[in-house]
Amino acid sequence: MLNGASPVKPKAQLDLEKIAAADPRIEFVARALCRARGIDPDFVGFPYPPGEPVWETFIIEARDLIAGDDAAEAWLARHPGRKGPPD
């Protein structure tokens, strides 16, 4: 940091923030994943991203869970009367 400027975030961190901003459910699910593992979602510290809350480490997993759920709901909407996809 020079002259009080904020530290530059790595591109990977910026990409995660864009993913989380794309759908508000992602943060909700990422925080729930933390709580399910007994982790404070707002904890900031090693070994998690420096200066970022721990829930951000679960953004990809949360996005994938939501995508799977969305796909299942879309399938059921296209196939009314069925309980689930064929085995």
PDB file of N, CA and C in Angstrom:
ATOM      1  N   MET A   1       0.837  -1.177   0.000  1.00  0.00           N
ATOM      2  CA  MET A   1       0.000   0.000   0.000  1.00  0.00           C
ATOM      3  C   MET A   1       0.881   1.238   0.000  1.00  0.00           C
ATOM      4  N   LEU A   2       0.648   2.067  -0.939  1.00  0.00           N
ATOM      5  CA  LEU A   2       1.380   3.317  -0.998  1.00  0.00           C
ATOM      6  C   LEU A   2       0.434   4.480  -0.759  1.00  0.00           C
ATOM      7  N   ASN A   3       0.855   5.402   0.062  1.00  0.00           N
ATOM      8  CA  ASN A   3       0.083   6.621   0.320  1.00  0.00           C
ATOM      9  C   ASN A   3      -1.375   6.346   0.681  1.00  0.00           C
ATOM     10  N   GLY A   4      -1.618   5.305   1.476  1.00  0.00           N
ATOM     11  CA  GLY A   4      -2.964   5.017   1.945  1.00  0.00           C
ATOM     12  C   GLY A   4      -3.878   4.372   0.917  1.00  0.00           C
ATOM     13  N   ALA A   5      -3.340   3.990  -0.233  1.00  0.00           N
ATOM     14  CA  ALA A   5      -4.169   3.334  -1.253  1.00  0.00           C
ATOM     15  C   ALA A   5      -4.543   1.931  -0.781  1.00  0.00           C
ATOM     16  N   SER A   6      -5.697   1.440  -1.230  1.00  0.00           N
ATOM     17  CA  SER A   6      -6.083   0.095  -0.832  1.00  0.00           C
ATOM     18  C   SER A   6      -5.246  -0.939  -1.569  1.00  0.00           C
ATOM     19  N   PRO A   7      -5.047  -2.082  -0.935  1.00  0.00           N
ATOM     20  CA  PRO A   7      -4.281  -3.128  -1.604  1.00  0.00           C
ATOM     21  C   PRO A   7      -5.027  -3.640  -2.831  1.00  0.00           C
ATOM     22  N   VAL A   8      -4.283  -4.029  -3.823  1.00  0.00           N
ATOM     23  CA  VAL A   8      -4.879  -4.555  -5.054  1.00  0.00           C
ATOM     24  C   VAL A   8      -5.300  -5.996  -4.797  1.00  0.00           C
ATOM     25  N   LYS A   9      -6.549  -6.313  -5.133  1.00  0.00           N
ATOM     26  CA  LYS A   9      -7.043  -7.674  -4.948  1.00  0.00           C
ATOM     27  C   LYS A   9      -6.606  -8.525  -6.127  1.00  0.00           C
ATOM     28  N   PRO A  10      -6.262  -9.789  -5.869  1.00  0.00           N
ATOM     29  CA  PRO A  10      -5.924 -10.689  -6.970  1.00  0.00           C
ATOM     30  C   PRO A  10      -7.128 -10.888  -7.891  1.00  0.00           C
ATOM     31  N   LYS A  11      -6.854 -11.169  -9.164  1.00  0.00           N
ATOM     32  CA  LYS A  11      -7.923 -11.358 -10.148  1.00  0.00           C
ATOM     33  C   LYS A  11      -8.886 -12.461  -9.724  1.00  0.00           C
ATOM     34  N   ALA A  12      -8.366 -13.527  -9.133  1.00  0.00           N
ATOM     35  CA  ALA A  12      -9.234 -14.627  -8.703  1.00  0.00           C
ATOM     36  C   ALA A  12     -10.251 -14.147  -7.677  1.00  0.00           C
ATOM     37  N   GLN A  13      -9.838 -13.269  -6.770  1.00  0.00           N
ATOM     38  CA  GLN A  13     -10.760 -12.741  -5.769  1.00  0.00           C
ATOM     39  C   GLN A  13     -11.828 -11.870  -6.424  1.00  0.00           C
ATOM     40  N   LEU A  14     -11.423 -11.070  -7.393  1.00  0.00           N
ATOM     41  CA  LEU A  14     -12.388 -10.236  -8.106  1.00  0.00           C
ATOM     42  C   LEU A  14     -13.385 -11.093  -8.873  1.00  0.00           C
ATOM     43  N   ASP A  15     -12.914 -12.198  -9.458  1.00  0.00           N
ATOM     44  CA  ASP A  15     -13.808 -13.105 -10.179  1.00  0.00           C
ATOM     45  C   ASP A  15     -14.830 -13.724  -9.224  1.00  0.00           C
ATOM     46  N   LEU A  16     -14.395 -14.129  -8.032  1.00  0.00           N
ATOM     47  CA  LEU A  16     -15.312 -14.693  -7.042  1.00  0.00           C
ATOM     48  C   LEU A  16     -16.369 -13.672  -6.641  1.00  0.00           C
ATOM     49  N   GLU A  17     -15.941 -12.430  -6.459  1.00  0.00           N
ATOM     50  CA  GLU A  17     -16.886 -11.385  -6.077  1.00  0.00           C
ATOM     51  C   GLU A  17     -17.925 -11.154  -7.175  1.00  0.00           C
ATOM     52  N   LYS A  18     -17.509 -11.265  -8.450  1.00  0.00           N
ATOM     53  CA  LYS A  18     -18.454 -11.117  -9.561  1.00  0.00           C
ATOM     54  C   LYS A  18     -19.459 -12.264  -9.560  1.00  0.00           C
ATOM     55  N   ILE A  19     -18.983 -13.470  -9.297  1.00  0.00           N
ATOM     56  CA  ILE A  19     -19.869 -14.635  -9.254  1.00  0.00           C
ATOM     57  C   ILE A  19     -20.897 -14.450  -8.138  1.00  0.00           C
ATOM     58  N   ALA A  20     -20.438 -14.041  -6.962  1.00  0.00           N
ATOM     59  CA  ALA A  20     -21.340 -13.858  -5.823  1.00  0.00           C
ATOM     60  C   ALA A  20     -22.347 -12.745  -6.095  1.00  0.00           C
ATOM     61  N   ALA A  21     -21.925 -11.704  -6.782  1.00  0.00           N
ATOM     62  CA  ALA A  21     -22.816 -10.573  -7.069  1.00  0.00           C
ATOM     63  C   ALA A  21     -23.869 -10.930  -8.118  1.00  0.00           C
ATOM     64  N   ALA A  22     -23.607 -11.960  -8.922  1.00  0.00           N
ATOM     65  CA  ALA A  22     -24.527 -12.336  -9.996  1.00  0.00           C
ATOM     66  C   ALA A  22     -25.853 -12.882  -9.477  1.00  0.00           C
ATOM     67  N   ASP A  23     -25.839 -13.469  -8.286  1.00  0.00           N
ATOM     68  CA  ASP A  23     -27.052 -14.081  -7.736  1.00  0.00           C
ATOM     69  C   ASP A  23     -26.985 -13.973  -6.215  1.00  0.00           C
ATOM     70  N   PRO A  24     -27.915 -13.272  -5.590  1.00  0.00           N
ATOM     71  CA  PRO A  24     -27.869 -13.100  -4.136  1.00  0.00           C
ATOM     72  C   PRO A  24     -27.990 -14.409  -3.357  1.00  0.00           C
ATOM     73  N   ARG A  25     -28.507 -15.448  -3.998  1.00  0.00           N
ATOM     74  CA  ARG A  25     -28.613 -16.745  -3.312  1.00  0.00           C
ATOM     75  C   ARG A  25     -27.245 -17.341  -3.032  1.00  0.00           C
ATOM     76  N   ILE A  26     -26.240 -16.973  -3.811  1.00  0.00           N
ATOM     77  CA  ILE A  26     -24.910 -17.552  -3.645  1.00  0.00           C
ATOM     78  C   ILE A  26     -24.339 -17.216  -2.266  1.00  0.00           C
ATOM     79  N   GLU A  27     -24.420 -15.964  -1.879  1.00  0.00           N
ATOM     80  CA  GLU A  27     -23.909 -15.605  -0.549  1.00  0.00           C
ATOM     81  C   GLU A  27     -24.693 -16.334   0.534  1.00  0.00           C
ATOM     82  N   PHE A  28     -26.011 -16.406   0.395  1.00  0.00           N
ATOM     83  CA  PHE A  28     -26.847 -17.085   1.383  1.00  0.00           C
ATOM     84  C   PHE A  28     -26.417 -18.547   1.545  1.00  0.00           C
ATOM     85  N   VAL A  29     -26.236 -19.247   0.421  1.00  0.00           N
ATOM     86  CA  VAL A  29     -25.852 -20.661   0.466  1.00  0.00           C
ATOM     87  C   VAL A  29     -24.422 -20.808   0.984  1.00  0.00           C
ATOM     88  N   ALA A  30     -23.516 -19.933   0.571  1.00  0.00           N
ATOM     89  CA  ALA A  30     -22.124 -20.005   1.050  1.00  0.00           C
ATOM     90  C   ALA A  30     -22.068 -19.818   2.559  1.00  0.00           C
ATOM     91  N   ARG A  31     -22.849 -18.893   3.075  1.00  0.00           N
ATOM     92  CA  ARG A  31     -22.897 -18.689   4.524  1.00  0.00           C
ATOM     93  C   ARG A  31     -23.484 -19.918   5.218  1.00  0.00           C
ATOM     94  N   ALA A  32     -24.500 -20.531   4.624  1.00  0.00           N
ATOM     95  CA  ALA A  32     -25.098 -21.734   5.199  1.00  0.00           C
ATOM     96  C   ALA A  32     -24.099 -22.892   5.207  1.00  0.00           C
ATOM     97  N   LEU A  33     -23.293 -23.011   4.160  1.00  0.00           N
ATOM     98  CA  LEU A  33     -22.262 -24.048   4.120  1.00  0.00           C
ATOM     99  C   LEU A  33     -21.268 -23.855   5.259  1.00  0.00           C
ATOM    100  N   CYS A  34     -20.901 -22.617   5.522  1.00  0.00           N
ATOM    101  CA  CYS A  34     -19.987 -22.329   6.639  1.00  0.00           C
ATOM    102  C   CYS A  34     -20.605 -22.776   7.955  1.00  0.00           C
ATOM    103  N   ARG A  35     -21.840 -22.347   8.180  1.00  0.00           N
ATOM    104  CA  ARG A  35     -22.503 -22.679   9.446  1.00  0.00           C
ATOM    105  C   ARG A  35     -22.651 -24.194   9.612  1.00  0.00           C
ATOM    106  N   ALA A  36     -22.926 -24.895   8.517  1.00  0.00           N
ATOM    107  CA  ALA A  36     -23.070 -26.350   8.574  1.00  0.00           C
ATOM    108  C   ALA A  36     -21.762 -27.030   8.967  1.00  0.00           C
ATOM    109  N   ARG A  37     -20.664 -26.380   8.683  1.00  0.00           N
ATOM    110  CA  ARG A  37     -19.347 -26.919   9.032  1.00  0.00           C
ATOM    111  C   ARG A  37     -18.831 -26.361  10.357  1.00  0.00           C
ATOM    112  N   GLY A  38     -19.661 -25.556  11.034  1.00  0.00           N
ATOM    113  CA  GLY A  38     -19.261 -24.985  12.317  1.00  0.00           C
ATOM    114  C   GLY A  38     -18.285 -23.832  12.198  1.00  0.00           C
ATOM    115  N   ILE A  39     -18.311 -23.146  11.059  1.00  0.00           N
ATOM    116  CA  ILE A  39     -17.387 -22.037  10.808  1.00  0.00           C
ATOM    117  C   ILE A  39     -18.176 -20.734  10.829  1.00  0.00           C
ATOM    118  N   ASP A  40     -17.620 -19.714  11.466  1.00  0.00           N
ATOM    119  CA  ASP A  40     -18.220 -18.383  11.451  1.00  0.00           C
ATOM    120  C   ASP A  40     -18.035 -17.809  10.047  1.00  0.00           C
ATOM    121  N   PRO A  41     -19.124 -17.555   9.299  1.00  0.00           N
ATOM    122  CA  PRO A  41     -18.985 -17.079   7.918  1.00  0.00           C
ATOM    123  C   PRO A  41     -18.284 -15.729   7.800  1.00  0.00           C
ATOM    124  N   ASP A  42     -18.302 -14.938   8.854  1.00  0.00           N
ATOM    125  CA  ASP A  42     -17.677 -13.615   8.803  1.00  0.00           C
ATOM    126  C   ASP A  42     -16.251 -13.602   9.343  1.00  0.00           C
ATOM    127  N   PHE A  43     -15.720 -14.781   9.708  1.00  0.00           N
ATOM    128  CA  PHE A  43     -14.351 -14.867  10.210  1.00  0.00           C
ATOM    129  C   PHE A  43     -13.377 -14.435   9.118  1.00  0.00           C
ATOM    130  N   VAL A  44     -12.413 -13.623   9.496  1.00  0.00           N
ATOM    131  CA  VAL A  44     -11.389 -13.165   8.556  1.00  0.00           C
ATOM    132  C   VAL A  44     -10.040 -13.555   9.143  1.00  0.00           C
ATOM    133  N   GLY A  45      -9.311 -14.402   8.459  1.00  0.00           N
ATOM    134  CA  GLY A  45      -7.993 -14.798   8.947  1.00  0.00           C
ATOM    135  C   GLY A  45      -7.463 -16.020   8.243  1.00  0.00           C
ATOM    136  N   PHE A  46      -6.193 -16.320   8.515  1.00  0.00           N
ATOM    137  CA  PHE A  46      -5.516 -17.459   7.919  1.00  0.00           C
ATOM    138  C   PHE A  46      -6.267 -18.733   8.255  1.00  0.00           C
ATOM    139  N   PRO A  47      -6.387 -19.684   7.363  1.00  0.00           N
ATOM    140  CA  PRO A  47      -5.804 -19.818   6.039  1.00  0.00           C
ATOM    141  C   PRO A  47      -6.724 -19.311   4.940  1.00  0.00           C
ATOM    142  N   TYR A  48      -7.701 -18.541   5.287  1.00  0.00           N
ATOM    143  CA  TYR A  48      -8.663 -18.035   4.317  1.00  0.00           C
ATOM    144  C   TYR A  48      -8.107 -16.814   3.600  1.00  0.00           C
ATOM    145  N   PRO A  49      -8.791 -16.371   2.547  1.00  0.00           N
ATOM    146  CA  PRO A  49      -8.259 -15.232   1.789  1.00  0.00           C
ATOM    147  C   PRO A  49      -7.977 -14.045   2.716  1.00  0.00           C
ATOM    148  N   PRO A  50      -6.796 -13.474   2.629  1.00  0.00           N
ATOM    149  CA  PRO A  50      -6.448 -12.366   3.514  1.00  0.00           C
ATOM    150  C   PRO A  50      -7.410 -11.191   3.361  1.00  0.00           C
ATOM    151  N   GLY A  51      -7.985 -10.760   4.475  1.00  0.00           N
ATOM    152  CA  GLY A  51      -8.868  -9.607   4.465  1.00  0.00           C
ATOM    153  C   GLY A  51     -10.270  -9.880   3.954  1.00  0.00           C
ATOM    154  N   GLU A  52     -10.583 -11.126   3.639  1.00  0.00           N
ATOM    155  CA  GLU A  52     -11.906 -11.473   3.111  1.00  0.00           C
ATOM    156  C   GLU A  52     -12.599 -12.429   4.080  1.00  0.00           C
ATOM    157  N   PRO A  53     -13.918 -12.329   4.215  1.00  0.00           N
ATOM    158  CA  PRO A  53     -14.631 -13.258   5.098  1.00  0.00           C
ATOM    159  C   PRO A  53     -14.598 -14.682   4.542  1.00  0.00           C
ATOM    160  N   VAL A  54     -14.617 -15.650   5.449  1.00  0.00           N
ATOM    161  CA  VAL A  54     -14.461 -17.054   5.066  1.00  0.00           C
ATOM    162  C   VAL A  54     -15.573 -17.539   4.134  1.00  0.00           C
ATOM    163  N   TRP A  55     -16.777 -16.963   4.209  1.00  0.00           N
ATOM    164  CA  TRP A  55     -17.850 -17.457   3.348  1.00  0.00           C
ATOM    165  C   TRP A  55     -17.475 -17.343   1.878  1.00  0.00           C
ATOM    166  N   GLU A  56     -16.589 -16.408   1.548  1.00  0.00           N
ATOM    167  CA  GLU A  56     -16.200 -16.237   0.143  1.00  0.00           C
ATOM    168  C   GLU A  56     -15.423 -17.435  -0.399  1.00  0.00           C
ATOM    169  N   THR A  57     -14.869 -18.270   0.487  1.00  0.00           N
ATOM    170  CA  THR A  57     -14.168 -19.463   0.014  1.00  0.00           C
ATOM    171  C   THR A  57     -15.149 -20.535  -0.470  1.00  0.00           C
ATOM    172  N   PHE A  58     -16.433 -20.355  -0.168  1.00  0.00           N
ATOM    173  CA  PHE A  58     -17.450 -21.331  -0.554  1.00  0.00           C
ATOM    174  C   PHE A  58     -18.311 -20.853  -1.730  1.00  0.00           C
ATOM    175  N   ILE A  59     -17.909 -19.787  -2.393  1.00  0.00           N
ATOM    176  CA  ILE A  59     -18.696 -19.225  -3.491  1.00  0.00           C
ATOM    177  C   ILE A  59     -18.888 -20.227  -4.627  1.00  0.00           C
ATOM    178  N   ILE A  60     -17.832 -20.886  -5.045  1.00  0.00           N
ATOM    179  CA  ILE A  60     -17.927 -21.838  -6.168  1.00  0.00           C
ATOM    180  C   ILE A  60     -18.841 -23.007  -5.804  1.00  0.00           C
ATOM    181  N   GLU A  61     -18.659 -23.565  -4.610  1.00  0.00           N
ATOM    182  CA  GLU A  61     -19.492 -24.683  -4.177  1.00  0.00           C
ATOM    183  C   GLU A  61     -20.961 -24.255  -4.093  1.00  0.00           C
ATOM    184  N   ALA A  62     -21.217 -23.069  -3.559  1.00  0.00           N
ATOM    185  CA  ALA A  62     -22.589 -22.559  -3.461  1.00  0.00           C
ATOM    186  C   ALA A  62     -23.192 -22.370  -4.849  1.00  0.00           C
ATOM    187  N   ARG A  63     -22.411 -21.793  -5.773  1.00  0.00           N
ATOM    188  CA  ARG A  63     -22.905 -21.581  -7.136  1.00  0.00           C
ATOM    189  C   ARG A  63     -23.279 -22.911  -7.785  1.00  0.00           C
ATOM    190  N   ASP A  64     -22.441 -23.931  -7.596  1.00  0.00           N
ATOM    191  CA  ASP A  64     -22.702 -25.235  -8.199  1.00  0.00           C
ATOM    192  C   ASP A  64     -23.938 -25.908  -7.598  1.00  0.00           C
ATOM    193  N   LEU A  65     -24.123 -25.787  -6.288  1.00  0.00           N
ATOM    194  CA  LEU A  65     -25.318 -26.355  -5.652  1.00  0.00           C
ATOM    195  C   LEU A  65     -26.584 -25.691  -6.182  1.00  0.00           C
ATOM    196  N   ILE A  66     -26.542 -24.375  -6.317  1.00  0.00           N
ATOM    197  CA  ILE A  66     -27.698 -23.640  -6.831  1.00  0.00           C
ATOM    198  C   ILE A  66     -27.967 -24.028  -8.278  1.00  0.00           C
ATOM    199  N   ALA A  67     -26.928 -24.168  -9.087  1.00  0.00           N
ATOM    200  CA  ALA A  67     -27.101 -24.551 -10.492  1.00  0.00           C
ATOM    201  C   ALA A  67     -27.742 -25.926 -10.600  1.00  0.00           C
ATOM    202  N   GLY A  68     -27.322 -26.863  -9.764  1.00  0.00           N
ATOM    203  CA  GLY A  68     -27.911 -28.196  -9.771  1.00  0.00           C
ATOM    204  C   GLY A  68     -29.385 -28.167  -9.388  1.00  0.00           C
ATOM    205  N   ASP A  69     -29.699 -27.389  -8.366  1.00  0.00           N
ATOM    206  CA  ASP A  69     -31.091 -27.261  -7.932  1.00  0.00           C
ATOM    207  C   ASP A  69     -31.937 -26.596  -9.019  1.00  0.00           C
ATOM    208  N   ASP A  70     -31.405 -25.556  -9.643  1.00  0.00           N
ATOM    209  CA  ASP A  70     -32.125 -24.878 -10.729  1.00  0.00           C
ATOM    210  C   ASP A  70     -32.379 -25.826 -11.896  1.00  0.00           C
ATOM    211  N   ALA A  71     -31.382 -26.651 -12.214  1.00  0.00           N
ATOM    212  CA  ALA A  71     -31.539 -27.602 -13.319  1.00  0.00           C
ATOM    213  C   ALA A  71     -32.616 -28.634 -13.002  1.00  0.00           C
ATOM    214  N   ALA A  72     -32.643 -29.118 -11.758  1.00  0.00           N
ATOM    215  CA  ALA A  72     -33.662 -30.091 -11.365  1.00  0.00           C
ATOM    216  C   ALA A  72     -35.056 -29.473 -11.439  1.00  0.00           C
ATOM    217  N   GLU A  73     -35.184 -28.236 -10.980  1.00  0.00           N
ATOM    218  CA  GLU A  73     -36.482 -27.562 -11.042  1.00  0.00           C
ATOM    219  C   GLU A  73     -36.911 -27.326 -12.493  1.00  0.00           C
ATOM    220  N   ALA A  74     -35.973 -26.970 -13.356  1.00  0.00           N
ATOM    221  CA  ALA A  74     -36.298 -26.753 -14.768  1.00  0.00           C
ATOM    222  C   ALA A  74     -36.750 -28.058 -15.411  1.00  0.00           C
ATOM    223  N   TRP A  75     -36.089 -29.161 -15.078  1.00  0.00           N
ATOM    224  CA  TRP A  75     -36.467 -30.456 -15.631  1.00  0.00           C
ATOM    225  C   TRP A  75     -37.887 -30.807 -15.202  1.00  0.00           C
ATOM    226  N   LEU A  76     -38.182 -30.618 -13.917  1.00  0.00           N
ATOM    227  CA  LEU A  76     -39.518 -30.934 -13.421  1.00  0.00           C
ATOM    228  C   LEU A  76     -40.578 -30.045 -14.065  1.00  0.00           C
ATOM    229  N   ALA A  77     -40.243 -28.797 -14.342  1.00  0.00           N
ATOM    230  CA  ALA A  77     -41.192 -27.887 -14.995  1.00  0.00           C
ATOM    231  C   ALA A  77     -41.487 -28.338 -16.422  1.00  0.00           C
ATOM    232  N   ARG A  78     -40.506 -28.934 -17.092  1.00  0.00           N
ATOM    233  CA  ARG A  78     -40.701 -29.408 -18.467  1.00  0.00           C
ATOM    234  C   ARG A  78     -41.402 -30.759 -18.516  1.00  0.00           C
ATOM    235  N   HIS A  79     -41.441 -31.461 -17.390  1.00  0.00           N
ATOM    236  CA  HIS A  79     -42.042 -32.799 -17.342  1.00  0.00           C
ATOM    237  C   HIS A  79     -43.061 -32.858 -16.206  1.00  0.00           C
ATOM    238  N   PRO A  80     -44.174 -32.171 -16.358  1.00  0.00           N
ATOM    239  CA  PRO A  80     -45.174 -32.166 -15.274  1.00  0.00           C
ATOM    240  C   PRO A  80     -45.697 -33.567 -14.980  1.00  0.00           C
ATOM    241  N   GLY A  81     -45.956 -33.803 -13.707  1.00  0.00           N
ATOM    242  CA  GLY A  81     -46.499 -35.096 -13.309  1.00  0.00           C
ATOM    243  C   GLY A  81     -45.440 -36.128 -12.980  1.00  0.00           C
ATOM    244  N   ARG A  82     -44.186 -35.860 -13.294  1.00  0.00           N
ATOM    245  CA  ARG A  82     -43.127 -36.826 -12.978  1.00  0.00           C
ATOM    246  C   ARG A  82     -42.460 -36.404 -11.685  1.00  0.00           C
ATOM    247  N   LYS A  83     -41.935 -37.367 -10.966  1.00  0.00           N
ATOM    248  CA  LYS A  83     -41.301 -37.072  -9.684  1.00  0.00           C
ATOM    249  C   LYS A  83     -39.821 -36.747  -9.805  1.00  0.00           C
ATOM    250  N   GLY A  84     -39.224 -37.079 -10.887  1.00  0.00           N
ATOM    251  CA  GLY A  84     -37.795 -36.817 -11.055  1.00  0.00           C
ATOM    252  C   GLY A  84     -37.304 -37.359 -12.375  1.00  0.00           C
ATOM    253  N   PRO A  85     -36.060 -37.064 -12.713  1.00  0.00           N
ATOM    254  CA  PRO A  85     -35.518 -37.554 -13.980  1.00  0.00           C
ATOM    255  C   PRO A  85     -35.431 -39.081 -13.990  1.00  0.00           C
ATOM    256  N   PRO A  86     -35.457 -39.683 -15.184  1.00  0.00           N
ATOM    257  CA  PRO A  86     -35.350 -41.142 -15.258  1.00  0.00           C
ATOM    258  C   PRO A  86     -34.001 -41.612 -14.726  1.00  0.00           C
ATOM    259  N   ASP A  87     -33.971 -42.822 -14.211  1.00  0.00           N
ATOM    260  CA  ASP A  87     -32.717 -43.399 -13.674  1.00  0.00           C
ATOM    261  C   ASP A  87     -31.768 -43.773 -14.774  1.00  0.00           C
TER     262      ASP A  87
END
